[in-house]
């Protein structure tokens, strides 16, 4: 296959930080020509946030902006706006995640963009929908996790709400926007018209919390949730509680200690008790008699002393490291997994061979690790490349738009581009 699926699609990446760049990076991996438009005075703020090498672009930036080109320009000047309008006329997609109203203040409202190029897909990330009373709030990942219902249902019942280490508000929103942009491109094949595609970070988090909204309705009706640790002896309030490490799908589960937990903070496995597999589970953990014992052989019978069962499983795990335990349990088809640290993930040979973790060479930095494409295709494998330096492609982009060398030099002298 010579061309990638999105070869020929031109994308203006008018985004920063994580949600928007995550979306546009995937578009670039799939073959789109993604042009990252950045400020002349430093570019995307993540270029210099959390640096580990002085004066080199931070990993925060390089891991979200691979395979793109960079145009450094002051879009608030008449000359900069003129360049943007020329780019818009030729583009297929524009993605932005500015604060509400910022694009309008630049003179680049959706209405104006649609007039310039009726075929363009306009992708927009905001913290909240326009109808929300909080639509003017500045939003980061953890803010979205709280507003989307994730934090209130994460953590332990005797502790505060807890945010996830996964970027549920940021990269997750970018993936939702990616779905919307690709859908709009397909729609354009039929209609010839572009459209605006909007995703709020609150909505993207909520979409991943649908089972908790399910539980809220069950709680309203029943007054209890049988799969939560609070059942049957604890109390339930009006809202879905925090359930610790309980499984959310009706199959009890918990994080259990393995050999070495005293010194290794990740010497744990997640263990699931699957209703239809109870007999094999009981045998695997050294209690075959539980298969027919009325005190254990149904989910309803087990629930009142589920933590006693987990305690017994931990005794069985005490002389097994997490990898040994999983190797034994998977033979009995018990849903389980080792708790992998980020160091273990970085060094995992299977993740390297599958392309889920890749080593990329970056100008000014050298090799670094990043996540690869999580979607695997039978017909192609994206070539994950480094991120552009600030303004690396400015002159090339302007020349392609018809600017003469003299005009480009004048824009540089006026600090309109860099």
Protein backbone atom coordinates (compact mmCIF):
# COMPACT_ATOMS: atom_id res chain seq x y z
CA UNK A 1 0.00 0.00 0.00
CA UNK A 2 1.69 3.21 -1.20
CA UNK A 3 -0.56 5.81 0.40
CA UNK A 4 -1.93 5.90 3.92
CA UNK A 5 -5.73 6.25 4.25
CA UNK A 6 -5.65 10.02 4.89
CA UNK A 7 -2.99 10.89 2.30
CA UNK A 8 -4.01 14.14 0.62
CA UNK A 9 -6.05 15.42 3.58
CA UNK A 10 -4.76 18.80 4.77
CA UNK A 11 -5.22 19.57 8.47
CA UNK A 12 -4.63 22.87 10.23
CA UNK A 13 -3.72 22.01 13.81
CA UNK A 14 -4.61 25.13 15.78
CA UNK A 15 -4.38 23.33 19.12
CA UNK A 16 -2.18 23.17 22.18
CA UNK A 17 -1.43 21.02 25.23
CA UNK A 18 -3.08 17.58 24.95
CA UNK A 19 -6.71 17.10 23.84
CA UNK A 20 -6.41 18.72 20.41
CA UNK A 21 -2.86 17.54 19.67
CA UNK A 22 -3.83 13.94 20.52
CA UNK A 23 -6.54 14.11 17.86
CA UNK A 24 -4.39 15.69 15.18
CA UNK A 25 -1.42 13.40 15.85
CA UNK A 26 -3.61 10.40 15.05
CA UNK A 27 -4.71 12.13 11.83
CA UNK A 28 -1.02 12.58 10.98
CA UNK A 29 -0.26 8.93 11.77
CA UNK A 30 -3.00 7.93 9.34
CA UNK A 31 -1.44 9.98 6.55
CA UNK A 32 -2.89 13.49 6.79
CA UNK A 33 -0.62 16.50 6.24
CA UNK A 34 -0.98 18.13 9.66
CA UNK A 35 0.31 21.68 9.96
CA UNK A 36 0.69 22.81 13.55
CA UNK A 37 0.13 26.56 13.80
CA UNK A 38 1.99 28.00 16.79
CA UNK A 39 2.79 31.29 18.46
CA UNK A 40 6.08 32.86 17.40
CA UNK A 41 7.06 33.45 21.04
CA UNK A 42 7.57 29.90 22.29
CA UNK A 43 4.93 27.94 20.41
CA UNK A 44 2.80 25.34 22.15
CA UNK A 45 3.28 25.79 25.92
CA UNK A 46 4.12 22.11 26.30
CA UNK A 47 7.37 22.62 24.38
CA UNK A 48 8.89 23.94 27.60
CA UNK A 49 6.75 22.36 30.32
CA UNK A 50 8.27 19.63 32.52
CA UNK A 51 11.55 19.62 30.62
CA UNK A 52 14.08 16.91 31.34
CA UNK A 53 16.71 18.32 28.93
CA UNK A 54 17.42 22.06 29.07
CA UNK A 55 16.56 23.93 25.86
CA UNK A 56 15.13 20.79 24.18
CA UNK A 57 11.45 20.38 23.43
CA UNK A 58 9.84 18.63 26.39
CA UNK A 59 8.54 15.09 26.13
CA UNK A 60 5.10 16.52 26.86
CA UNK A 61 5.28 18.14 23.42
CA UNK A 62 7.15 15.50 21.44
CA UNK A 63 4.80 12.68 22.52
CA UNK A 64 1.73 14.53 21.21
CA UNK A 65 2.99 16.18 18.04
CA UNK A 66 4.83 13.57 16.00
CA UNK A 67 4.51 13.42 12.22
CA UNK A 68 3.40 17.08 12.00
CA UNK A 69 4.84 20.23 10.42
CA UNK A 70 5.16 23.53 12.29
CA UNK A 71 4.26 27.07 11.20
CA UNK A 72 5.14 29.78 13.73
CA UNK A 73 3.00 32.87 13.09
CA UNK A 74 1.27 35.74 14.85
CA UNK A 75 -2.32 35.23 13.75
CA UNK A 76 -3.48 38.38 15.52
CA UNK A 77 -1.81 40.60 12.94
CA UNK A 78 -3.49 41.41 9.61
CA UNK A 79 -0.66 39.66 7.78
CA UNK A 80 -0.93 36.60 9.98
CA UNK A 81 -4.68 36.44 9.54
CA UNK A 82 -4.21 36.68 5.78
CA UNK A 83 -1.91 33.64 5.88
CA UNK A 84 -4.45 31.74 7.96
CA UNK A 85 -7.25 32.53 5.54
CA UNK A 86 -5.14 31.27 2.63
CA UNK A 87 -4.46 28.05 4.52
CA UNK A 88 -8.15 27.64 5.39
CA UNK A 89 -9.18 27.94 1.73
CA UNK A 90 -6.96 24.97 0.89
CA UNK A 91 -7.54 22.83 4.00
CA UNK A 92 -9.84 19.90 4.65
CA UNK A 93 -9.85 20.09 8.45
CA UNK A 94 -9.13 22.72 11.10
CA UNK A 95 -8.93 21.67 14.75
CA UNK A 96 -8.83 24.14 17.65
CA UNK A 97 -9.07 23.97 21.43
CA UNK A 98 -8.82 27.62 22.42
CA UNK A 99 -10.80 29.17 25.25
CA UNK A 100 -14.44 29.96 24.36
CA UNK A 101 -14.66 32.97 22.06
CA UNK A 102 -10.95 33.09 21.19
CA UNK A 103 -11.44 32.12 17.55
CA UNK A 104 -14.18 34.74 17.16
CA UNK A 105 -11.89 37.41 18.60
CA UNK A 106 -9.26 36.44 16.00
CA UNK A 107 -11.83 37.01 13.28
CA UNK A 108 -11.90 33.29 12.55
CA UNK A 109 -15.37 32.31 13.66
CA UNK A 110 -16.98 29.13 12.35
CA UNK A 111 -19.27 31.23 10.16
CA UNK A 112 -16.35 33.06 8.57
CA UNK A 113 -14.33 29.86 8.11
CA UNK A 114 -17.34 28.12 6.56
CA UNK A 115 -17.74 31.04 4.16
CA UNK A 116 -14.05 30.86 3.19
CA UNK A 117 -14.20 27.09 2.63
CA UNK A 118 -17.63 25.39 2.71
CA UNK A 119 -15.95 21.95 2.50
CA UNK A 120 -13.79 22.39 5.59
CA UNK A 121 -14.41 20.30 8.72
CA UNK A 122 -14.07 22.47 11.83
CA UNK A 123 -13.17 20.40 14.90
CA UNK A 124 -13.48 22.08 18.28
CA UNK A 125 -12.66 20.99 21.85
CA UNK A 126 -14.13 22.91 24.76
CA UNK A 127 -14.38 22.19 28.45
CA UNK A 128 -18.17 22.33 28.47
CA UNK A 129 -20.96 22.48 25.92
CA UNK A 130 -22.24 25.89 24.92
CA UNK A 131 -25.48 25.18 26.82
CA UNK A 132 -23.61 24.58 30.09
CA UNK A 133 -23.71 27.31 32.76
CA UNK A 134 -19.94 26.69 33.07
CA UNK A 135 -19.16 27.15 29.39
CA UNK A 136 -16.72 29.99 30.14
CA UNK A 137 -14.59 27.97 32.57
CA UNK A 138 -10.98 27.18 31.74
CA UNK A 139 -10.67 23.40 31.87
CA UNK A 140 -7.80 20.98 32.33
CA UNK A 141 -7.88 17.20 32.47
CA UNK A 142 -8.61 16.81 36.18
CA UNK A 143 -11.28 19.51 36.05
CA UNK A 144 -13.07 17.53 33.35
CA UNK A 145 -12.73 14.30 35.32
CA UNK A 146 -14.49 15.96 38.24
CA UNK A 147 -17.22 17.57 36.14
CA UNK A 148 -17.81 14.41 34.09
CA UNK A 149 -18.57 12.13 37.03
CA UNK A 150 -15.34 10.13 37.07
CA UNK A 151 -13.75 11.54 40.23
CA UNK A 152 -16.85 11.15 42.43
CA UNK A 153 -16.98 7.44 41.63
CA UNK A 154 -13.23 6.75 41.86
CA UNK A 155 -11.30 5.95 45.02
CA UNK A 156 -12.27 4.35 48.30
CA UNK A 157 -15.50 5.00 50.16
CA UNK A 158 -13.72 6.39 53.23
CA UNK A 159 -11.57 8.79 51.21
CA UNK A 160 -11.97 11.81 48.93
CA UNK A 161 -12.90 11.73 45.22
CA UNK A 162 -9.89 10.67 43.15
CA UNK A 163 -8.82 11.48 39.61
CA UNK A 164 -7.42 8.83 37.30
CA UNK A 165 -3.85 8.68 36.05
CA UNK A 166 -5.31 8.12 32.58
CA UNK A 167 -6.02 11.36 30.70
CA UNK A 168 -9.80 10.88 30.65
CA UNK A 169 -10.38 14.59 30.12
CA UNK A 170 -7.60 15.31 27.63
CA UNK A 171 -6.48 12.50 25.33
CA UNK A 172 -9.85 10.79 25.67
CA UNK A 173 -11.56 13.95 24.38
CA UNK A 174 -9.10 14.05 21.51
CA UNK A 175 -10.07 10.50 20.54
CA UNK A 176 -13.76 11.43 20.63
CA UNK A 177 -13.04 14.41 18.39
CA UNK A 178 -11.05 12.16 16.04
CA UNK A 179 -14.13 9.97 15.61
CA UNK A 180 -16.22 13.05 14.87
CA UNK A 181 -13.77 14.49 12.34
CA UNK A 182 -13.45 11.21 10.45
CA UNK A 183 -17.24 10.85 10.43
CA UNK A 184 -17.61 14.37 9.04
CA UNK A 185 -15.07 13.61 6.32
CA UNK A 186 -17.14 10.58 5.31
CA UNK A 187 -20.29 12.70 5.31
CA UNK A 188 -18.58 15.22 3.06
CA UNK A 189 -18.01 12.49 0.49
CA UNK A 190 -21.80 12.32 0.10
CA UNK A 191 -22.82 15.95 0.59
CA UNK A 192 -19.78 17.95 -0.48
CA UNK A 193 -20.23 20.12 2.62
CA UNK A 194 -18.09 20.57 5.68
CA UNK A 195 -19.49 20.96 9.17
CA UNK A 196 -18.54 21.90 12.70
CA UNK A 197 -17.71 19.02 15.05
CA UNK A 198 -17.64 19.88 18.75
CA UNK A 199 -16.69 17.75 21.74
CA UNK A 200 -16.73 18.94 25.33
CA UNK A 201 -14.30 17.44 27.81
CA UNK A 202 -17.14 16.96 30.29
CA UNK A 203 -19.11 14.93 27.72
CA UNK A 204 -16.10 12.80 26.77
CA UNK A 205 -15.50 11.86 30.42
CA UNK A 206 -19.20 11.20 30.95
CA UNK A 207 -19.24 8.88 27.94
CA UNK A 208 -16.71 6.67 29.75
CA UNK A 209 -18.83 6.80 32.92
CA UNK A 210 -22.02 5.41 31.41
CA UNK A 211 -22.02 2.39 33.72
CA UNK A 212 -21.99 4.77 36.68
CA UNK A 213 -25.04 6.55 35.25
CA UNK A 214 -26.55 3.07 34.93
CA UNK A 215 -25.78 2.50 38.62
CA UNK A 216 -27.33 5.82 39.63
CA UNK A 217 -30.66 4.77 38.15
CA UNK A 218 -30.47 1.36 39.80
CA UNK A 219 -29.64 3.03 43.12
CA UNK A 220 -32.57 5.41 42.77
CA UNK A 221 -34.89 2.45 42.24
CA UNK A 222 -33.45 -0.11 44.66
CA UNK A 223 -31.62 1.87 47.32
CA UNK A 224 -28.56 -0.37 47.05
CA UNK A 225 -26.01 -1.71 44.54
CA UNK A 226 -25.30 -5.36 45.10
CA UNK A 227 -21.90 -5.45 43.39
CA UNK A 228 -20.40 -2.63 45.50
CA UNK A 229 -18.38 -3.38 48.67
CA UNK A 230 -20.95 -1.47 50.72
CA UNK A 231 -23.48 -4.26 50.11
CA UNK A 232 -25.01 -5.85 52.14
CA UNK A 233 -23.85 -4.46 55.48
CA UNK A 234 -22.90 -0.88 54.61
CA UNK A 235 -25.06 2.13 53.91
CA UNK A 236 -25.81 3.75 50.58
CA UNK A 237 -26.50 7.44 50.13
CA UNK A 238 -28.34 9.16 47.31
CA UNK A 239 -25.45 9.06 44.83
CA UNK A 240 -23.31 6.28 43.38
CA UNK A 241 -20.52 5.75 45.91
CA UNK A 242 -16.84 5.14 45.44
CA UNK A 243 -16.22 1.43 45.16
CA UNK A 244 -12.48 1.09 45.58
CA UNK A 245 -11.24 -1.56 43.16
CA UNK A 246 -14.57 -3.35 42.79
CA UNK A 247 -15.49 -4.55 39.33
CA UNK A 248 -18.14 -2.42 37.66
CA UNK A 249 -19.76 -5.09 35.51
CA UNK A 250 -21.36 -7.35 38.06
CA UNK A 251 -18.32 -9.65 38.40
CA UNK A 252 -16.59 -9.04 41.78
CA UNK A 253 -12.94 -8.13 41.50
CA UNK A 254 -10.17 -6.63 43.58
CA UNK A 255 -6.49 -5.73 43.55
CA UNK A 256 -4.67 -8.40 45.57
CA UNK A 257 -1.17 -8.60 47.05
CA UNK A 258 1.41 -10.92 45.58
CA UNK A 259 4.84 -12.01 46.72
CA UNK A 260 7.06 -9.00 47.32
CA UNK A 261 4.35 -6.42 47.97
CA UNK A 262 6.16 -5.24 51.11
CA UNK A 263 8.91 -3.64 49.01
CA UNK A 264 7.37 -3.40 45.53
CA UNK A 265 4.41 -0.99 45.34
CA UNK A 266 3.18 -2.74 42.20
CA UNK A 267 3.44 -6.38 43.31
CA UNK A 268 -0.28 -6.89 42.82
CA UNK A 269 -2.71 -8.49 40.42
CA UNK A 270 -6.31 -7.69 39.59
CA UNK A 271 -8.42 -10.78 40.24
CA UNK A 272 -11.98 -11.25 38.97
CA UNK A 273 -14.45 -13.78 40.28
CA UNK A 274 -16.50 -14.71 37.26
CA UNK A 275 -19.87 -16.25 38.09
CA UNK A 276 -19.88 -18.82 35.28
CA UNK A 277 -16.31 -19.88 36.09
CA UNK A 278 -16.61 -20.31 39.86
CA UNK A 279 -15.81 -24.03 39.98
CA UNK A 280 -12.53 -23.63 38.09
CA UNK A 281 -11.71 -20.51 40.13
CA UNK A 282 -12.22 -22.37 43.40
CA UNK A 283 -9.97 -25.19 42.24
CA UNK A 284 -7.26 -22.83 40.96
CA UNK A 285 -6.96 -20.98 44.27
CA UNK A 286 -6.78 -24.18 46.32
CA UNK A 287 -10.35 -24.39 47.58
CA UNK A 288 -12.09 -26.94 45.32
CA UNK A 289 -14.62 -27.61 48.08
CA UNK A 290 -16.08 -24.15 47.57
CA UNK A 291 -17.48 -25.18 44.18
CA UNK A 292 -20.41 -27.03 45.78
CA UNK A 293 -20.57 -25.33 49.18
CA UNK A 294 -23.89 -23.44 49.52
CA UNK A 295 -22.01 -20.69 51.33
CA UNK A 296 -19.91 -20.04 48.23
CA UNK A 297 -21.43 -21.53 45.10
CA UNK A 298 -23.61 -18.57 44.09
CA UNK A 299 -22.77 -14.90 43.65
CA UNK A 300 -25.47 -13.98 46.17
CA UNK A 301 -24.03 -16.35 48.75
CA UNK A 302 -20.47 -15.07 48.22
CA UNK A 303 -21.18 -11.34 48.38
CA UNK A 304 -21.61 -11.01 52.19
CA UNK A 305 -18.09 -12.41 52.74
CA UNK A 306 -16.42 -11.46 49.45
CA UNK A 307 -13.48 -9.88 51.27
CA UNK A 308 -12.92 -13.03 53.29
CA UNK A 309 -12.65 -14.83 49.95
CA UNK A 310 -10.18 -12.25 48.68
CA UNK A 311 -8.17 -12.68 51.89
CA UNK A 312 -7.94 -16.41 51.21
CA UNK A 313 -6.83 -15.74 47.65
CA UNK A 314 -4.10 -13.43 48.96
CA UNK A 315 -2.85 -16.27 51.16
CA UNK A 316 -2.63 -18.41 48.01
CA UNK A 317 -0.77 -15.57 46.26
CA UNK A 318 1.72 -15.01 49.10
CA UNK A 319 4.46 -17.20 47.58
CA UNK A 320 3.84 -16.26 43.94
CA UNK A 321 4.97 -13.13 42.14
CA UNK A 322 2.39 -11.40 39.96
CA UNK A 323 3.62 -12.95 36.72
CA UNK A 324 3.61 -16.48 38.15
CA UNK A 325 0.13 -15.94 39.52
CA UNK A 326 -1.28 -14.75 36.22
CA UNK A 327 0.31 -17.68 34.36
CA UNK A 328 -1.48 -20.09 36.70
CA UNK A 329 -4.81 -18.28 36.73
CA UNK A 330 -5.09 -17.76 33.00
CA UNK A 331 -5.03 -21.53 32.51
CA UNK A 332 -8.30 -21.58 34.45
CA UNK A 333 -9.63 -18.72 32.28
CA UNK A 334 -9.81 -16.37 35.27
CA UNK A 335 -9.90 -12.70 34.17
CA UNK A 336 -6.79 -11.20 35.77
CA UNK A 337 -3.75 -9.09 35.03
CA UNK A 338 -0.56 -7.97 36.75
CA UNK A 339 -0.47 -4.37 37.91
CA UNK A 340 2.18 -3.06 35.53
CA UNK A 341 4.29 -0.07 36.44
CA UNK A 342 5.17 2.48 33.79
CA UNK A 343 8.76 1.19 33.94
CA UNK A 344 7.55 -2.33 33.18
CA UNK A 345 5.43 -1.01 30.32
CA UNK A 346 8.37 0.95 28.91
CA UNK A 347 10.49 -2.22 28.90
CA UNK A 348 7.80 -4.70 27.83
CA UNK A 349 9.06 -6.56 24.72
CA UNK A 350 5.57 -7.46 23.51
CA UNK A 351 4.45 -3.81 23.58
CA UNK A 352 7.59 -2.92 21.64
CA UNK A 353 7.07 -5.62 19.02
CA UNK A 354 3.40 -4.71 18.52
CA UNK A 355 4.20 -1.03 18.05
CA UNK A 356 2.22 0.02 21.11
CA UNK A 357 5.44 1.50 22.52
CA UNK A 358 7.92 2.88 20.01
CA UNK A 359 11.31 4.53 20.07
CA UNK A 360 11.46 7.74 18.04
CA UNK A 361 14.39 9.97 17.12
CA UNK A 362 13.81 13.62 17.93
CA UNK A 363 15.85 16.60 16.73
CA UNK A 364 17.66 18.20 19.64
CA UNK A 365 16.89 15.27 21.93
CA UNK A 366 17.80 11.97 20.35
CA UNK A 367 15.81 8.76 20.90
CA UNK A 368 12.81 8.74 23.24
CA UNK A 369 9.94 6.40 23.98
CA UNK A 370 6.35 7.22 23.13
CA UNK A 371 3.05 5.45 22.70
CA UNK A 372 2.44 4.10 19.23
CA UNK A 373 -0.78 3.72 17.34
CA UNK A 374 -3.29 1.84 19.54
CA UNK A 375 -5.41 0.91 16.51
CA UNK A 376 -3.93 -1.92 14.48
CA UNK A 377 -4.72 -2.27 10.76
CA UNK A 378 -4.12 -5.23 8.47
CA UNK A 379 -3.22 -3.04 5.48
CA UNK A 380 -0.81 -0.51 6.97
CA UNK A 381 1.30 0.39 9.98
CA UNK A 382 1.89 4.09 10.70
CA UNK A 383 5.50 5.26 10.73
CA UNK A 384 5.75 7.15 14.03
CA UNK A 385 8.11 10.09 13.58
CA UNK A 386 9.46 12.93 15.69
CA UNK A 387 7.77 16.26 16.35
CA UNK A 388 8.67 19.42 14.41
CA UNK A 389 10.87 22.13 15.82
CA UNK A 390 9.13 25.46 16.33
CA UNK A 391 8.61 27.08 12.94
CA UNK A 392 10.59 24.36 11.19
CA UNK A 393 8.34 24.50 8.14
CA UNK A 394 7.34 28.18 8.15
CA UNK A 395 9.23 29.19 5.03
CA UNK A 396 8.13 26.10 3.12
CA UNK A 397 4.47 26.70 3.99
CA UNK A 398 4.62 30.37 2.96
CA UNK A 399 6.36 29.52 -0.30
CA UNK A 400 3.68 26.94 -1.08
CA UNK A 401 1.08 29.68 -0.53
CA UNK A 402 2.80 31.83 -3.18
CA UNK A 403 4.86 34.17 -1.00
CA UNK A 404 8.12 35.33 -2.58
CA UNK A 405 11.44 35.02 -0.75
CA UNK A 406 11.38 38.78 -0.25
CA UNK A 407 7.89 38.70 1.25
CA UNK A 408 8.86 35.83 3.55
CA UNK A 409 11.95 37.74 4.72
CA UNK A 410 9.79 40.79 5.44
CA UNK A 411 7.42 38.71 7.55
CA UNK A 412 10.37 37.39 9.53
CA UNK A 413 11.79 40.86 10.09
CA UNK A 414 8.44 42.08 11.37
CA UNK A 415 8.27 39.07 13.75
CA UNK A 416 4.98 38.04 12.18
CA UNK A 417 6.47 34.61 11.53
CA UNK A 418 9.35 32.67 13.01
